[in-house]
N, C-alpha and C. Protein backbone atom coordinates (compact mmCIF):
# COMPACT_ATOMS: atom_id res chain seq x y z
N UNK A 1 13.27 2.64 48.73
CA UNK A 1 12.86 3.45 47.61
C UNK A 1 12.11 4.67 48.15
N UNK A 2 12.45 5.84 47.67
CA UNK A 2 11.83 7.08 48.14
C UNK A 2 10.46 7.27 47.52
N UNK A 3 9.56 7.84 48.31
CA UNK A 3 8.22 8.12 47.78
C UNK A 3 8.28 9.33 46.88
N UNK A 4 7.48 9.30 45.81
CA UNK A 4 7.42 10.41 44.87
C UNK A 4 6.11 11.15 45.10
N UNK A 5 6.20 12.48 45.14
CA UNK A 5 4.99 13.26 45.34
C UNK A 5 4.11 13.16 44.09
N UNK A 6 2.81 13.35 44.24
CA UNK A 6 1.91 13.27 43.06
C UNK A 6 2.31 14.26 41.96
N UNK A 7 2.72 15.46 42.35
CA UNK A 7 3.14 16.45 41.34
C UNK A 7 4.36 15.98 40.56
N UNK A 8 5.36 15.44 41.27
CA UNK A 8 6.57 14.93 40.61
C UNK A 8 6.22 13.74 39.73
N UNK A 9 5.34 12.88 40.21
CA UNK A 9 4.91 11.73 39.42
C UNK A 9 4.29 12.20 38.10
N UNK A 10 3.40 13.19 38.16
CA UNK A 10 2.76 13.69 36.94
C UNK A 10 3.78 14.30 35.99
N UNK A 11 4.78 15.01 36.53
CA UNK A 11 5.84 15.57 35.66
C UNK A 11 6.63 14.46 34.96
N UNK A 12 6.90 13.38 35.71
CA UNK A 12 7.61 12.25 35.11
C UNK A 12 6.77 11.57 34.03
N UNK A 13 5.46 11.43 34.29
CA UNK A 13 4.58 10.82 33.30
C UNK A 13 4.55 11.67 32.03
N UNK A 14 4.43 12.99 32.19
CA UNK A 14 4.41 13.88 31.03
C UNK A 14 5.73 13.81 30.27
N UNK A 15 6.84 13.74 30.98
CA UNK A 15 8.15 13.66 30.33
C UNK A 15 8.26 12.37 29.52
N UNK A 16 7.78 11.26 30.08
CA UNK A 16 7.82 9.99 29.36
C UNK A 16 6.86 10.00 28.17
N UNK A 17 5.70 10.63 28.34
CA UNK A 17 4.71 10.68 27.25
C UNK A 17 5.25 11.47 26.06
N UNK A 18 6.08 12.48 26.34
CA UNK A 18 6.67 13.26 25.23
C UNK A 18 7.67 12.44 24.43
N UNK A 19 8.19 11.35 25.01
CA UNK A 19 9.17 10.51 24.31
C UNK A 19 8.50 9.51 23.36
N UNK A 20 7.18 9.37 23.45
CA UNK A 20 6.48 8.39 22.62
C UNK A 20 6.54 8.83 21.16
N UNK A 21 6.88 7.88 20.29
CA UNK A 21 6.90 8.13 18.85
C UNK A 21 5.70 7.41 18.24
N UNK A 22 4.72 8.16 17.78
CA UNK A 22 3.51 7.57 17.23
C UNK A 22 3.75 7.17 15.78
N UNK A 23 3.14 6.06 15.34
CA UNK A 23 3.30 5.65 13.94
C UNK A 23 2.57 6.62 13.01
N UNK A 24 3.07 6.68 11.78
CA UNK A 24 2.40 7.54 10.80
C UNK A 24 1.10 6.88 10.36
N UNK A 25 0.27 7.65 9.65
CA UNK A 25 -1.00 7.10 9.15
C UNK A 25 -0.74 5.91 8.23
N UNK A 26 0.28 6.03 7.36
CA UNK A 26 0.59 4.95 6.42
C UNK A 26 1.03 3.70 7.17
N UNK A 27 1.87 3.85 8.19
CA UNK A 27 2.31 2.69 8.98
C UNK A 27 1.13 2.01 9.66
N UNK A 28 0.20 2.82 10.17
CA UNK A 28 -0.98 2.27 10.84
C UNK A 28 -1.84 1.51 9.86
N UNK A 29 -2.06 2.06 8.66
CA UNK A 29 -2.89 1.40 7.66
C UNK A 29 -2.23 0.09 7.21
N UNK A 30 -0.94 0.12 6.93
CA UNK A 30 -0.23 -1.08 6.49
C UNK A 30 -0.29 -2.16 7.57
N UNK A 31 -0.09 -1.77 8.81
CA UNK A 31 -0.15 -2.74 9.90
C UNK A 31 -1.55 -3.33 10.03
N UNK A 32 -2.58 -2.50 9.92
CA UNK A 32 -3.95 -2.98 10.02
C UNK A 32 -4.28 -3.95 8.89
N UNK A 33 -3.81 -3.65 7.68
CA UNK A 33 -4.05 -4.54 6.54
C UNK A 33 -3.34 -5.88 6.76
N UNK A 34 -2.11 -5.83 7.25
CA UNK A 34 -1.37 -7.07 7.49
C UNK A 34 -2.06 -7.90 8.57
N UNK A 35 -2.57 -7.26 9.61
CA UNK A 35 -3.29 -7.98 10.66
C UNK A 35 -4.54 -8.63 10.06
N UNK A 36 -5.26 -7.91 9.21
CA UNK A 36 -6.45 -8.48 8.56
C UNK A 36 -6.10 -9.69 7.71
N UNK A 37 -5.02 -9.59 6.93
CA UNK A 37 -4.60 -10.71 6.08
C UNK A 37 -4.23 -11.92 6.93
N UNK A 38 -3.48 -11.69 8.01
CA UNK A 38 -3.09 -12.79 8.89
C UNK A 38 -4.31 -13.43 9.55
N UNK A 39 -5.31 -12.62 9.91
CA UNK A 39 -6.53 -13.17 10.50
C UNK A 39 -7.24 -14.09 9.52
N UNK A 40 -7.32 -13.68 8.26
CA UNK A 40 -7.99 -14.51 7.26
C UNK A 40 -7.20 -15.80 7.04
N UNK A 41 -5.88 -15.70 6.92
CA UNK A 41 -5.05 -16.89 6.71
C UNK A 41 -5.21 -17.87 7.88
N UNK A 42 -5.14 -17.35 9.10
CA UNK A 42 -5.28 -18.23 10.26
C UNK A 42 -6.68 -18.81 10.37
N UNK A 43 -7.71 -18.03 10.03
CA UNK A 43 -9.07 -18.54 10.08
C UNK A 43 -9.24 -19.70 9.10
N UNK A 44 -8.72 -19.55 7.89
CA UNK A 44 -8.81 -20.63 6.89
C UNK A 44 -8.01 -21.84 7.36
N UNK A 45 -6.83 -21.62 7.92
CA UNK A 45 -6.00 -22.71 8.42
C UNK A 45 -6.74 -23.50 9.50
N UNK A 46 -7.28 -22.79 10.50
CA UNK A 46 -7.96 -23.48 11.59
C UNK A 46 -9.27 -24.11 11.13
N UNK A 47 -9.93 -23.54 10.14
CA UNK A 47 -11.12 -24.17 9.56
C UNK A 47 -10.71 -25.51 8.93
N UNK A 48 -9.61 -25.52 8.21
CA UNK A 48 -9.13 -26.76 7.59
C UNK A 48 -8.75 -27.80 8.62
N UNK A 49 -8.03 -27.39 9.67
CA UNK A 49 -7.63 -28.33 10.72
C UNK A 49 -8.87 -28.89 11.42
N UNK A 50 -9.83 -28.01 11.74
CA UNK A 50 -11.05 -28.43 12.42
C UNK A 50 -11.85 -29.39 11.55
N UNK A 51 -11.95 -29.10 10.27
CA UNK A 51 -12.67 -29.98 9.35
C UNK A 51 -11.98 -31.34 9.27
N UNK A 52 -10.65 -31.34 9.16
CA UNK A 52 -9.90 -32.58 9.10
C UNK A 52 -10.09 -33.41 10.37
N UNK A 53 -9.95 -32.79 11.53
CA UNK A 53 -10.13 -33.53 12.78
C UNK A 53 -11.56 -34.04 12.93
N UNK A 54 -12.53 -33.23 12.51
CA UNK A 54 -13.92 -33.68 12.55
C UNK A 54 -14.14 -34.90 11.69
N UNK A 55 -13.55 -34.90 10.50
CA UNK A 55 -13.67 -36.05 9.60
C UNK A 55 -13.03 -37.29 10.22
N UNK A 56 -11.82 -37.11 10.81
CA UNK A 56 -11.12 -38.24 11.45
C UNK A 56 -11.96 -38.81 12.58
N UNK A 57 -12.53 -37.96 13.41
CA UNK A 57 -13.35 -38.43 14.53
C UNK A 57 -14.58 -39.17 14.01
N UNK A 58 -15.22 -38.63 12.97
CA UNK A 58 -16.38 -39.32 12.38
C UNK A 58 -15.99 -40.69 11.86
N UNK A 59 -14.84 -40.80 11.21
CA UNK A 59 -14.38 -42.08 10.70
C UNK A 59 -14.11 -43.07 11.83
N UNK A 60 -13.50 -42.58 12.91
CA UNK A 60 -13.21 -43.44 14.05
C UNK A 60 -14.51 -43.90 14.72
N UNK A 61 -15.50 -43.03 14.80
CA UNK A 61 -16.76 -43.39 15.43
C UNK A 61 -17.54 -44.41 14.61
N UNK A 62 -17.35 -44.40 13.30
CA UNK A 62 -18.06 -45.40 12.46
C UNK A 62 -17.46 -46.79 12.65
N UNK A 63 -16.22 -46.86 13.15
CA UNK A 63 -15.58 -48.16 13.39
C UNK A 63 -16.11 -48.81 14.65
N UNK A 64 -16.67 -48.03 15.56
CA UNK A 64 -17.10 -48.56 16.86
C UNK A 64 -18.43 -49.30 16.75
């Protein structure tokens, strides 16, 4: 593999950076809201699982 000079490397980086398509403000907001909703759903889910497992362990410990 041939070595690339620093100047050529920077030109390649700039060329690739120009190809980036940034999301619109609306897409960013919608994505952020969806991430927030999923975080709440998963937090409630894991709270329920943790509570259930805690109850099961407490029940098993009372048998000992």
